[in-house]
Amino acid sequence: MTDIELSDGEYTAVVDTVEDGLATVFFERDGEEVGNAVLEASRLPSNAQHADAILSVTLSGGHLESASYEPERTATRREASQDRFDRLSKRPPSDEDA
């Protein structure tokens, strides 16, 4: 796959999708998305080769130098996303309900 076009350093990585052995990964720094890449899923820890997995990664020279799965952060983010979805899916009260 291609190099990761981000500066060397530590990032939070979020796996978006894993299909046909390829993982689409978004990189964040200080809570802001700063880039993405398509990587061979085998370059990720085996327990992080699924959508919504959160990892702490180190990039160097456009390559993934290290990656560690963050299961607690993954669960917390999943719960927050589900709560947000649940809130947004509720119908607002109609004028008749008021």
Protein backbone atom coordinates (compact mmCIF):
# COMPACT_ATOMS: atom_id res chain seq x y z
CA MET A 1 0.00 0.00 0.00
CA THR A 2 1.01 3.61 -0.22
CA ASP A 3 2.90 5.60 2.35
CA ILE A 4 0.95 7.40 5.05
CA GLU A 5 1.27 11.09 4.28
CA LEU A 6 1.47 12.43 7.82
CA SER A 7 4.28 13.80 9.95
CA ASP A 8 6.22 11.43 12.14
CA GLY A 9 4.78 11.04 15.61
CA GLU A 10 2.04 9.54 17.70
CA TYR A 11 -1.59 9.45 16.59
CA THR A 12 -4.90 7.91 17.46
CA ALA A 13 -6.05 5.67 14.63
CA VAL A 14 -9.65 4.61 14.05
CA VAL A 15 -10.40 1.69 11.77
CA ASP A 16 -13.30 2.61 9.50
CA THR A 17 -13.68 -0.58 7.49
CA VAL A 18 -11.91 -3.86 6.86
CA GLU A 19 -12.69 -5.53 3.53
CA ASP A 20 -10.77 -7.99 1.38
CA GLY A 21 -7.71 -7.75 3.62
CA LEU A 22 -7.56 -3.94 3.48
CA ALA A 23 -8.30 -1.56 6.35
CA THR A 24 -9.34 2.06 5.88
CA VAL A 25 -7.90 3.94 8.83
CA PHE A 26 -8.46 7.54 9.94
CA PHE A 27 -5.76 9.27 11.95
CA GLU A 28 -6.47 11.82 14.68
CA ARG A 29 -4.28 14.14 16.68
CA ASP A 30 -5.61 16.26 19.55
CA GLY A 31 -9.15 15.10 18.76
CA GLU A 32 -9.03 16.32 15.15
CA GLU A 33 -8.94 14.10 12.08
CA VAL A 34 -5.69 14.78 10.22
CA GLY A 35 -5.61 12.13 7.50
CA ASN A 36 -6.42 8.63 6.39
CA ALA A 37 -4.87 5.68 4.62
CA VAL A 38 -5.69 2.24 3.28
CA LEU A 39 -3.44 -0.35 4.89
CA GLU A 40 -3.10 -4.09 4.70
CA ALA A 41 -5.21 -5.27 7.64
CA SER A 42 -2.41 -7.65 8.63
CA ARG A 43 -0.31 -4.60 9.63
CA LEU A 44 -2.77 -3.97 12.49
CA PRO A 45 -2.88 -5.99 15.71
CA SER A 46 -5.11 -9.04 15.14
CA ASN A 47 -7.62 -7.94 17.79
CA ALA A 48 -7.97 -4.54 16.08
CA GLN A 49 -8.81 -5.77 12.60
CA HIS A 50 -12.44 -4.66 12.79
CA ALA A 51 -14.48 -1.53 12.17
CA ASP A 52 -14.39 1.09 14.94
CA ALA A 53 -11.23 -0.29 16.58
CA ILE A 54 -9.15 2.44 18.19
CA LEU A 55 -5.37 2.21 18.27
CA SER A 56 -2.45 4.25 19.50
CA VAL A 57 0.03 4.36 16.63
CA THR A 58 3.46 5.74 15.87
CA LEU A 59 4.28 6.82 12.33
CA SER A 60 7.79 7.24 11.00
CA GLY A 61 8.85 7.96 7.45
CA GLY A 62 5.35 7.41 6.12
CA HIS A 63 5.09 3.97 7.69
CA LEU A 64 3.28 2.46 10.64
CA GLU A 65 6.07 1.79 13.13
CA SER A 66 3.93 0.55 16.01
CA ALA A 67 0.26 0.06 16.77
CA SER A 68 -1.46 -1.00 19.97
CA TYR A 69 -5.15 -1.74 20.31
CA GLU A 70 -7.10 0.29 22.88
CA PRO A 71 -10.11 -1.91 23.82
CA GLU A 72 -11.38 0.39 26.59
CA ARG A 73 -11.30 3.46 24.32
CA THR A 74 -12.99 1.42 21.59
CA ALA A 75 -15.83 0.42 23.93
CA THR A 76 -16.24 3.95 25.30
CA ARG A 77 -16.39 5.48 21.83
CA ARG A 78 -18.86 2.82 20.64
CA GLU A 79 -21.14 3.54 23.63
CA ALA A 80 -20.96 7.30 23.03
CA SER A 81 -21.81 6.81 19.35
CA GLN A 82 -24.75 4.58 20.23
CA ASP A 83 -26.04 7.10 22.79
CA ARG A 84 -25.78 9.89 20.20
CA PHE A 85 -27.61 7.76 17.63
CA ASP A 86 -30.34 6.90 20.14
CA ARG A 87 -30.86 10.57 21.02
CA LEU A 88 -30.99 11.61 17.37
CA SER A 89 -33.38 8.82 16.41
CA LYS A 90 -36.05 9.93 18.89
CA ARG A 91 -38.82 11.94 17.34
CA PRO A 92 -39.23 15.42 18.63
CA PRO A 93 -42.62 16.01 20.23
CA SER A 94 -45.28 17.16 17.78
CA ASP A 95 -47.51 20.15 18.36
CA GLU A 96 -50.30 17.72 19.29
CA ASP A 97 -48.17 16.24 22.10
CA ALA A 98 -47.61 19.63 23.71
